[in-house]
Amino acid sequence: MARNPAQAAANAVNEAATSAEDALAGSERARLEGQIADLRNDLARIAQTLADFGVAQGAAVGEVVKEEADKLRAKGEAAASKLAEQGRAAKAQAEQGLADLEDEIRAHPLKSAGIAALAGLFLGLLLGRR
């Protein structure tokens, strides 16, 4: 079976040429053989042009895919960097909140102990009712 339309056309021309050779003789035969040879050459050039076009298209598609992959990778790296920065900012904020709480506890120890005792009593009541 033919691999492509150009090859199928070349095969059809070859079959027609063989049939024509059997039917014709003399100078008419020589003229037709020349035309058939020209057709074969033309078909070979067409087949080569189609093959070259396919290779060029494949290369172009490969380049587009590579460019898009590079864009996606850059977006992913930017998102990861932004997420890491947000994580660092959240950690710094939590550390600052903890430091502020420790300062408040040191400044008002009795108030802090009373709040902790009430929170413990409240949790005990909630969990004890189960």
C-alpha atoms as a PDB file:
ATOM      1  CA  MET A   1       0.000   0.000   0.000  1.00  0.00           C
ATOM      2  CA  ALA A   2       1.264   3.507  -0.818  1.00  0.00           C
ATOM      3  CA  ARG A   3       2.651   5.604   2.010  1.00  0.00           C
ATOM      4  CA  ASN A   4       1.339   8.930   0.740  1.00  0.00           C
ATOM      5  CA  PRO A   5      -0.788  10.407  -2.066  1.00  0.00           C
ATOM      6  CA  ALA A   6       2.253  11.369  -4.134  1.00  0.00           C
ATOM      7  CA  GLN A   7       3.532   7.781  -4.023  1.00  0.00           C
ATOM      8  CA  ALA A   8       0.064   6.475  -4.936  1.00  0.00           C
ATOM      9  CA  ALA A   9      -0.010   8.819  -7.940  1.00  0.00           C
ATOM     10  CA  ALA A  10       3.465   7.664  -8.976  1.00  0.00           C
ATOM     11  CA  ASN A  11       2.336   4.029  -8.774  1.00  0.00           C
ATOM     12  CA  ALA A  12      -0.727   4.810 -10.899  1.00  0.00           C
ATOM     13  CA  VAL A  13       1.450   6.516 -13.521  1.00  0.00           C
ATOM     14  CA  ASN A  14       3.795   3.512 -13.578  1.00  0.00           C
ATOM     15  CA  GLU A  15       0.886   1.110 -14.113  1.00  0.00           C
ATOM     16  CA  ALA A  16      -0.547   3.301 -16.860  1.00  0.00           C
ATOM     17  CA  ALA A  17       2.872   3.499 -18.480  1.00  0.00           C
ATOM     18  CA  THR A  18       3.239  -0.266 -18.489  1.00  0.00           C
ATOM     19  CA  SER A  19      -0.199  -0.683 -20.081  1.00  0.00           C
ATOM     20  CA  ALA A  20       0.540   1.991 -22.657  1.00  0.00           C
ATOM     21  CA  GLU A  21       3.874   0.402 -23.562  1.00  0.00           C
ATOM     22  CA  ASP A  22       2.133  -2.833 -24.409  1.00  0.00           C
ATOM     23  CA  ALA A  23      -0.406  -1.074 -26.658  1.00  0.00           C
ATOM     24  CA  LEU A  24       1.818   1.346 -28.601  1.00  0.00           C
ATOM     25  CA  ALA A  25       4.791   1.035 -30.912  1.00  0.00           C
ATOM     26  CA  GLY A  26       7.295   3.180 -32.857  1.00  0.00           C
ATOM     27  CA  SER A  27       7.768   6.922 -32.593  1.00  0.00           C
ATOM     28  CA  GLU A  28       4.500   7.413 -30.719  1.00  0.00           C
ATOM     29  CA  ARG A  29       5.842   5.043 -28.107  1.00  0.00           C
ATOM     30  CA  ALA A  30       9.109   6.995 -27.799  1.00  0.00           C
ATOM     31  CA  ARG A  31       7.211  10.286 -27.436  1.00  0.00           C
ATOM     32  CA  LEU A  32       4.990   8.817 -24.724  1.00  0.00           C
ATOM     33  CA  GLU A  33       7.987   7.306 -22.923  1.00  0.00           C
ATOM     34  CA  GLY A  34       9.549  10.781 -22.778  1.00  0.00           C
ATOM     35  CA  GLN A  35       6.345  12.241 -21.380  1.00  0.00           C
ATOM     36  CA  ILE A  36       6.099   9.432 -18.847  1.00  0.00           C
ATOM     37  CA  ALA A  37       9.700  10.042 -17.743  1.00  0.00           C
ATOM     38  CA  ASP A  38       8.883  13.743 -17.333  1.00  0.00           C
ATOM     39  CA  LEU A  39       5.814  12.864 -15.268  1.00  0.00           C
ATOM     40  CA  ARG A  40       7.862  10.546 -13.081  1.00  0.00           C
ATOM     41  CA  ASN A  41      10.417  13.311 -12.482  1.00  0.00           C
ATOM     42  CA  ASP A  42       7.661  15.825 -11.703  1.00  0.00           C
ATOM     43  CA  LEU A  43       6.049  13.420  -9.247  1.00  0.00           C
ATOM     44  CA  ALA A  44       9.388  12.767  -7.583  1.00  0.00           C
ATOM     45  CA  ARG A  45       9.920  16.529  -7.137  1.00  0.00           C
ATOM     46  CA  ILE A  46       6.379  16.922  -5.755  1.00  0.00           C
ATOM     47  CA  ALA A  47       6.939  14.056  -3.317  1.00  0.00           C
ATOM     48  CA  GLN A  48      10.230  15.626  -2.164  1.00  0.00           C
ATOM     49  CA  THR A  49       8.576  19.041  -1.768  1.00  0.00           C
ATOM     50  CA  LEU A  50       5.786  17.496   0.327  1.00  0.00           C
ATOM     51  CA  ALA A  51       8.324  15.663   2.486  1.00  0.00           C
ATOM     52  CA  ASP A  52      10.352  18.853   2.997  1.00  0.00           C
ATOM     53  CA  PHE A  53       7.178  20.736   3.880  1.00  0.00           C
ATOM     54  CA  GLY A  54       6.258  18.092   6.451  1.00  0.00           C
ATOM     55  CA  VAL A  55       9.706  18.308   8.056  1.00  0.00           C
ATOM     56  CA  ALA A  56       9.509  22.107   8.161  1.00  0.00           C
ATOM     57  CA  GLN A  57       6.044  22.007   9.721  1.00  0.00           C
ATOM     58  CA  GLY A  58       7.210  19.499  12.312  1.00  0.00           C
ATOM     59  CA  ALA A  59      10.127  21.733  13.246  1.00  0.00           C
ATOM     60  CA  ALA A  60       7.849  24.767  13.506  1.00  0.00           C
ATOM     61  CA  VAL A  61       5.416  22.897  15.747  1.00  0.00           C
ATOM     62  CA  GLY A  62       8.291  21.693  17.914  1.00  0.00           C
ATOM     63  CA  GLU A  63       9.530  25.265  18.313  1.00  0.00           C
ATOM     64  CA  VAL A  64       6.061  26.510  19.303  1.00  0.00           C
ATOM     65  CA  VAL A  65       5.721  23.710  21.861  1.00  0.00           C
ATOM     66  CA  LYS A  66       9.151  24.551  23.306  1.00  0.00           C
ATOM     67  CA  GLU A  67       8.257  28.253  23.575  1.00  0.00           C
ATOM     68  CA  GLU A  68       4.973  27.480  25.322  1.00  0.00           C
ATOM     69  CA  ALA A  69       6.724  25.078  27.713  1.00  0.00           C
ATOM     70  CA  ASP A  70       9.267  27.796  28.529  1.00  0.00           C
ATOM     71  CA  LYS A  71       6.439  30.275  29.217  1.00  0.00           C
ATOM     72  CA  LEU A  72       4.664  27.793  31.486  1.00  0.00           C
ATOM     73  CA  ARG A  73       7.880  27.013  33.343  1.00  0.00           C
ATOM     74  CA  ALA A  74       8.528  30.739  33.873  1.00  0.00           C
ATOM     75  CA  LYS A  75       4.975  31.225  35.191  1.00  0.00           C
ATOM     76  CA  GLY A  76       5.402  28.253  37.531  1.00  0.00           C
ATOM     77  CA  GLU A  77       8.705  29.571  38.835  1.00  0.00           C
ATOM     78  CA  ALA A  78       7.168  33.024  39.394  1.00  0.00           C
ATOM     79  CA  ALA A  79       4.199  31.506  41.244  1.00  0.00           C
ATOM     80  CA  ALA A  80       6.504  29.369  43.408  1.00  0.00           C
ATOM     81  CA  SER A  81       8.639  32.411  44.220  1.00  0.00           C
ATOM     82  CA  LYS A  82       5.563  34.467  45.127  1.00  0.00           C
ATOM     83  CA  LEU A  83       4.224  31.648  47.306  1.00  0.00           C
ATOM     84  CA  ALA A  84       7.563  31.313  49.079  1.00  0.00           C
ATOM     85  CA  GLU A  85       7.618  35.074  49.728  1.00  0.00           C
ATOM     86  CA  GLN A  86       4.072  34.943  51.105  1.00  0.00           C
ATOM     87  CA  GLY A  87       5.091  32.038  53.340  1.00  0.00           C
ATOM     88  CA  ARG A  88       8.052  34.001  54.676  1.00  0.00           C
ATOM     89  CA  ALA A  89       5.805  37.019  55.297  1.00  0.00           C
ATOM     90  CA  ALA A  90       3.216  34.874  57.136  1.00  0.00           C
ATOM     91  CA  LYS A  91       5.950  33.313  59.277  1.00  0.00           C
ATOM     92  CA  ALA A  92       7.334  36.746  60.163  1.00  0.00           C
ATOM     93  CA  GLN A  93       3.843  37.968  61.029  1.00  0.00           C
ATOM     94  CA  ALA A  94       3.184  34.920  63.242  1.00  0.00           C
ATOM     95  CA  GLU A  95       6.542  35.388  64.989  1.00  0.00           C
ATOM     96  CA  GLN A  96       5.731  39.055  65.578  1.00  0.00           C
ATOM     97  CA  GLY A  97       2.284  38.131  66.952  1.00  0.00           C
ATOM     98  CA  LEU A  98       3.868  35.611  69.323  1.00  0.00           C
ATOM     99  CA  ALA A  99       6.417  38.190  70.484  1.00  0.00           C
ATOM    100  CA  ASP A 100       3.627  40.729  71.074  1.00  0.00           C
ATOM    101  CA  LEU A 101       1.655  38.140  73.094  1.00  0.00           C
ATOM    102  CA  GLU A 102       4.702  37.300  75.201  1.00  0.00           C
ATOM    103  CA  ASP A 103       5.252  41.012  75.858  1.00  0.00           C
ATOM    104  CA  GLU A 104       1.602  41.425  76.898  1.00  0.00           C
ATOM    105  CA  ILE A 105       1.825  38.432  79.244  1.00  0.00           C
ATOM    106  CA  ARG A 106       4.994  39.835  80.859  1.00  0.00           C
ATOM    107  CA  ALA A 107       3.397  43.278  81.213  1.00  0.00           C
ATOM    108  CA  HIS A 108       0.164  41.938  82.807  1.00  0.00           C
ATOM    109  CA  PRO A 109       0.839  38.531  84.390  1.00  0.00           C
ATOM    110  CA  LEU A 110      -2.237  38.436  86.680  1.00  0.00           C
ATOM    111  CA  LYS A 111      -4.599  39.452  83.904  1.00  0.00           C
ATOM    112  CA  SER A 112      -3.065  36.780  81.622  1.00  0.00           C
ATOM    113  CA  ALA A 113      -3.383  34.097  84.332  1.00  0.00           C
ATOM    114  CA  GLY A 114      -7.049  35.041  84.893  1.00  0.00           C
ATOM    115  CA  ILE A 115      -7.813  34.858  81.171  1.00  0.00           C
ATOM    116  CA  ALA A 116      -6.079  31.485  80.918  1.00  0.00           C
ATOM    117  CA  ALA A 117      -8.048  30.170  83.927  1.00  0.00           C
ATOM    118  CA  LEU A 118     -11.369  31.323  82.456  1.00  0.00           C
ATOM    119  CA  ALA A 119     -10.496  29.798  79.087  1.00  0.00           C
ATOM    120  CA  GLY A 120      -9.653  26.495  80.768  1.00  0.00           C
ATOM    121  CA  LEU A 121     -12.917  26.548  82.789  1.00  0.00           C
ATOM    122  CA  PHE A 122     -14.934  27.315  79.663  1.00  0.00           C
ATOM    123  CA  LEU A 123     -13.303  24.490  77.681  1.00  0.00           C
ATOM    124  CA  GLY A 124     -13.812  22.106  80.618  1.00  0.00           C
ATOM    125  CA  LEU A 125     -17.509  22.930  80.702  1.00  0.00           C
ATOM    126  CA  LEU A 126     -17.901  22.478  76.945  1.00  0.00           C
ATOM    127  CA  LEU A 127     -16.015  19.194  76.814  1.00  0.00           C
ATOM    128  CA  GLY A 128     -17.527  17.867  80.036  1.00  0.00           C
ATOM    129  CA  ARG A 129     -21.092  18.040  78.669  1.00  0.00           C
ATOM    130  CA  ARG A 130     -20.506  15.452  75.991  1.00  0.00           C
END
